[in-house]
Amino acid sequence: MNWRNHFKNGFDLNAAVGYRLNDHWRSEGEFVYQNIQRNSLGTYGWRELNSATGGLYAEQRGNPISNVSSRANLYSLLTNAGYDFDSYSGFTPFIGGGVGIGWLKAKSVTTNDKINIDDPNTPLIETAPAMQKSPSLYGTAFVWQFKAGVSRPISERASVVLQYRVLGTTDFKASNSSIISNPGLDGQSNFHIAQNDLKGLLTQALELNLHWDV
């Protein structure tokens, strides 16, 4: 079985508290919440052998797993450093980066489809109902990020900030998953897939923030 997760589109929210060290350098602690669309899809196959002879009785390869959409939630806590360049025409460009820890949560999704049964001894291909349960995603990972943008004052204490963020993580976990053929009927068969590692995420975002000096 080959489950694949495609992540695209979403939104994020962030809040940071920091301290300005001098005219250019500042440090901060930041919380980032990202809500991302997750599409689960893939393929699977199976083989049935004669228990007495070991010969192949039936097999099927390349059965599609239904494409189902859900939401993945990533929560991150980071320690950042930022550098503000000299201001030009009221705009102050900056760069920054940070490291921290992140938590991923994405629920399992169950969908109904069908499984093809290809008997090599006949030209017939039979079908049977199948229930597919995608793995849930979870775990804790190391998080890093890079930010760049510009800020512009709108009052004595407030500034509006437009920034670009790249955020990456190390690996998370994908839970056990399953496919059940003929669910609730005679001849029900259960196929279980063990827990495995999920490749880390890499997200990009364009954000509009408000900065307030106290």
Protein backbone atom coordinates (compact mmCIF):
# COMPACT_ATOMS: atom_id res chain seq x y z
CA MET A 1 0.00 0.00 0.00
CA ASN A 2 1.20 3.49 -0.84
CA TRP A 3 -0.57 6.35 0.94
CA ARG A 4 0.40 9.82 -0.32
CA ASN A 5 -0.35 13.14 1.37
CA HIS A 6 -0.50 16.33 -0.67
CA PHE A 7 -0.57 19.58 1.29
CA LYS A 8 -1.68 22.81 -0.37
CA ASN A 9 -3.60 25.99 0.39
CA GLY A 10 -4.54 27.16 3.85
CA PHE A 11 -4.04 30.00 6.27
CA ASP A 12 -1.97 30.87 9.32
CA LEU A 13 -2.18 33.01 12.45
CA ASN A 14 0.81 34.25 14.42
CA ALA A 15 1.64 36.29 17.51
CA ALA A 16 5.07 37.39 18.76
CA VAL A 17 6.52 39.24 21.75
CA GLY A 18 10.04 40.63 21.51
CA TYR A 19 12.72 43.02 22.67
CA ARG A 20 14.71 45.50 20.59
CA LEU A 21 18.43 45.17 21.36
CA ASN A 22 19.51 48.25 19.36
CA ASP A 23 18.51 50.17 16.23
CA HIS A 24 18.91 47.09 14.05
CA TRP A 25 18.75 43.87 16.05
CA ARG A 26 15.74 42.43 17.88
CA SER A 27 14.80 39.10 19.47
CA GLU A 28 11.36 37.57 19.96
CA GLY A 29 9.34 34.53 20.90
CA GLU A 30 6.63 33.57 18.41
CA PHE A 31 3.61 31.26 18.19
CA VAL A 32 2.48 30.19 14.69
CA TYR A 33 -0.71 28.26 13.86
CA GLN A 34 -1.10 26.84 10.33
CA ASN A 35 -4.26 25.23 8.95
CA ILE A 36 -3.47 23.35 5.73
CA GLN A 37 -5.59 21.39 3.27
CA ARG A 38 -4.55 17.73 3.19
CA ASN A 39 -5.40 15.45 0.25
CA SER A 40 -4.92 11.71 0.90
CA LEU A 41 -4.62 9.37 -2.07
CA GLY A 42 -2.55 6.48 -3.37
CA THR A 43 -2.70 2.87 -4.55
CA TYR A 44 -2.66 -0.62 -3.07
CA GLY A 45 -2.44 -4.22 -4.17
CA TRP A 46 -2.85 -7.71 -2.76
CA ARG A 47 -2.08 -11.38 -3.53
CA GLU A 48 -3.98 -14.50 -2.46
CA LEU A 49 -2.06 -17.80 -2.40
CA ASN A 50 -3.21 -21.40 -2.25
CA SER A 51 -2.35 -22.52 1.30
CA ALA A 52 -1.68 -26.11 0.16
CA THR A 53 0.44 -25.54 -2.95
CA GLY A 54 1.66 -21.98 -2.48
CA GLY A 55 0.40 -21.16 -5.98
CA LEU A 56 -1.09 -17.82 -6.86
CA TYR A 57 -4.88 -17.90 -6.59
CA ALA A 58 -5.72 -14.24 -7.25
CA GLU A 59 -4.01 -10.86 -7.17
CA GLN A 60 -4.64 -7.21 -7.90
CA ARG A 61 -2.23 -4.31 -8.29
CA GLY A 62 -2.74 -0.60 -8.63
CA ASN A 63 -6.13 -0.31 -6.95
CA PRO A 64 -6.68 3.44 -6.43
CA ILE A 65 -7.27 4.84 -2.96
CA SER A 66 -10.05 7.42 -3.01
CA ASN A 67 -8.84 11.02 -2.90
CA VAL A 68 -10.21 12.50 0.33
CA SER A 69 -9.65 15.99 1.73
CA SER A 70 -9.24 16.99 5.36
CA ARG A 71 -7.36 19.63 7.34
CA ALA A 72 -3.94 19.39 8.99
CA ASN A 73 -3.11 21.65 11.94
CA LEU A 74 0.48 22.63 12.74
CA TYR A 75 1.30 24.50 15.97
CA SER A 76 4.80 25.97 16.40
CA LEU A 77 6.70 27.79 19.14
CA LEU A 78 9.88 29.54 17.97
CA THR A 79 12.69 31.74 19.22
CA ASN A 80 13.60 34.31 16.56
CA ALA A 81 16.22 36.90 15.75
CA GLY A 82 15.53 39.78 13.35
CA TYR A 83 17.56 42.50 11.65
CA ASP A 84 16.03 45.82 10.54
CA PHE A 85 17.80 47.68 7.75
CA ASP A 86 17.88 51.47 7.47
CA SER A 87 14.53 53.00 6.58
CA TYR A 88 13.88 54.32 3.06
CA SER A 89 10.91 56.63 2.34
CA GLY A 90 9.22 55.41 5.51
CA PHE A 91 9.64 51.70 4.64
CA THR A 92 11.97 49.53 6.75
CA PRO A 93 13.07 46.22 5.16
CA PHE A 94 14.00 43.37 7.49
CA ILE A 95 15.05 39.73 7.59
CA GLY A 96 14.76 37.17 10.36
CA GLY A 97 14.85 33.53 11.29
CA GLY A 98 14.23 31.20 14.14
CA VAL A 99 14.10 27.65 15.48
CA GLY A 100 11.72 25.86 17.79
CA ILE A 101 9.32 22.98 18.21
CA GLY A 102 6.11 22.05 16.37
CA TRP A 103 3.10 19.76 16.86
CA LEU A 104 1.06 18.28 13.99
CA LYS A 105 -2.53 17.03 14.23
CA ALA A 106 -4.60 15.65 11.33
CA LYS A 107 -7.53 13.27 11.79
CA SER A 108 -8.03 9.98 9.99
CA VAL A 109 -10.65 10.01 7.22
CA THR A 110 -12.83 7.02 6.22
CA THR A 111 -14.27 6.70 2.73
CA ASN A 112 -16.12 4.00 0.79
CA ASP A 113 -14.99 2.71 -2.61
CA LYS A 114 -14.56 -0.66 -4.32
CA ILE A 115 -11.79 -3.22 -4.77
CA ASN A 116 -11.13 -5.07 -8.02
CA ILE A 117 -10.59 -8.84 -7.81
CA ASP A 118 -8.68 -10.19 -10.81
CA ASP A 119 -8.72 -13.98 -11.01
CA PRO A 120 -5.80 -15.14 -13.25
CA ASN A 121 -7.69 -18.34 -14.07
CA THR A 122 -10.61 -16.50 -15.75
CA PRO A 123 -10.99 -13.40 -17.94
CA LEU A 124 -13.41 -11.92 -15.39
CA ILE A 125 -12.68 -9.02 -13.05
CA GLU A 126 -15.02 -8.88 -10.07
CA THR A 127 -15.56 -5.93 -7.76
CA ALA A 128 -16.36 -5.74 -4.05
CA PRO A 129 -17.16 -2.81 -1.74
CA ALA A 130 -14.24 -1.53 0.31
CA MET A 131 -13.88 0.83 3.28
CA GLN A 132 -10.64 2.82 3.27
CA LYS A 133 -9.34 4.48 6.44
CA SER A 134 -6.47 6.92 5.94
CA PRO A 135 -3.82 7.33 8.66
CA SER A 136 -4.02 10.16 11.15
CA LEU A 137 -0.93 12.40 11.31
CA TYR A 138 0.63 13.44 14.59
CA GLY A 139 3.84 14.03 16.50
CA THR A 140 6.42 16.56 17.59
CA ALA A 141 9.22 17.86 15.39
CA PHE A 142 12.02 20.41 15.18
CA VAL A 143 10.92 23.58 13.34
CA TRP A 144 12.95 26.25 11.54
CA GLN A 145 11.88 29.36 9.65
CA PHE A 146 13.07 32.31 7.58
CA LYS A 147 11.22 35.64 7.23
CA ALA A 148 11.73 38.74 5.09
CA GLY A 149 9.56 41.79 4.53
CA VAL A 150 8.98 45.50 5.04
CA SER A 151 7.28 47.55 7.74
CA ARG A 152 5.76 51.05 7.61
CA PRO A 153 4.64 53.21 10.56
CA ILE A 154 0.96 54.16 10.69
CA SER A 155 1.13 55.94 14.06
CA GLU A 156 3.67 56.82 16.76
CA ARG A 157 3.62 53.24 18.13
CA ALA A 158 2.02 51.08 15.43
CA SER A 159 3.42 49.77 12.15
CA VAL A 160 1.93 47.58 9.43
CA VAL A 161 4.16 44.68 8.34
CA LEU A 162 4.12 42.72 5.07
CA GLN A 163 6.29 39.61 5.29
CA TYR A 164 7.12 36.37 3.50
CA ARG A 165 7.65 33.26 5.65
CA VAL A 166 9.21 29.87 4.87
CA LEU A 167 8.74 27.28 7.64
CA GLY A 168 10.07 23.72 7.64
CA THR A 169 9.95 20.74 10.00
CA THR A 170 11.58 17.37 10.54
CA ASP A 171 9.56 14.11 10.33
CA PHE A 172 6.19 13.41 11.95
CA LYS A 173 4.23 10.12 12.33
CA ALA A 174 1.41 8.52 10.34
CA SER A 175 -0.78 6.14 12.39
CA ASN A 176 -2.03 2.68 11.47
CA SER A 177 -4.47 2.60 8.54
CA SER A 178 -6.68 -0.06 6.99
CA ILE A 179 -8.77 -1.23 4.04
CA ILE A 180 -11.76 -3.52 4.67
CA SER A 181 -13.30 -5.40 1.75
CA ASN A 182 -16.97 -6.44 1.97
CA PRO A 183 -17.44 -4.52 5.26
CA GLY A 184 -20.23 -6.02 7.37
CA LEU A 185 -20.84 -8.81 4.86
CA ASP A 186 -19.88 -12.49 4.54
CA GLY A 187 -16.31 -12.72 3.33
CA GLN A 188 -15.16 -9.52 5.03
CA SER A 189 -11.37 -9.17 4.82
CA ASN A 190 -9.22 -6.71 6.76
CA PHE A 191 -5.93 -5.27 5.45
CA HIS A 192 -3.91 -3.35 8.04
CA ILE A 193 -0.97 -1.02 7.37
CA ALA A 194 1.49 -0.32 10.19
CA GLN A 195 2.47 3.07 11.54
CA ASN A 196 5.28 4.81 9.64
CA ASP A 197 7.20 8.08 9.42
CA LEU A 198 5.85 11.09 7.53
CA LYS A 199 8.26 13.36 5.68
CA GLY A 200 8.55 16.82 7.22
CA LEU A 201 6.50 19.78 6.00
CA LEU A 202 7.72 22.86 4.12
CA THR A 203 5.27 25.76 3.94
CA GLN A 204 5.33 29.24 2.44
CA ALA A 205 3.10 32.17 3.39
CA LEU A 206 2.60 35.85 2.63
CA GLU A 207 1.36 37.63 5.75
CA LEU A 208 0.04 41.05 6.78
CA ASN A 209 0.73 41.82 10.45
CA LEU A 210 0.44 44.69 12.92
CA HIS A 211 3.47 45.66 15.03
CA TRP A 212 3.00 47.61 18.28
CA ASP A 213 5.80 49.27 20.31
CA VAL A 214 5.31 49.57 24.05
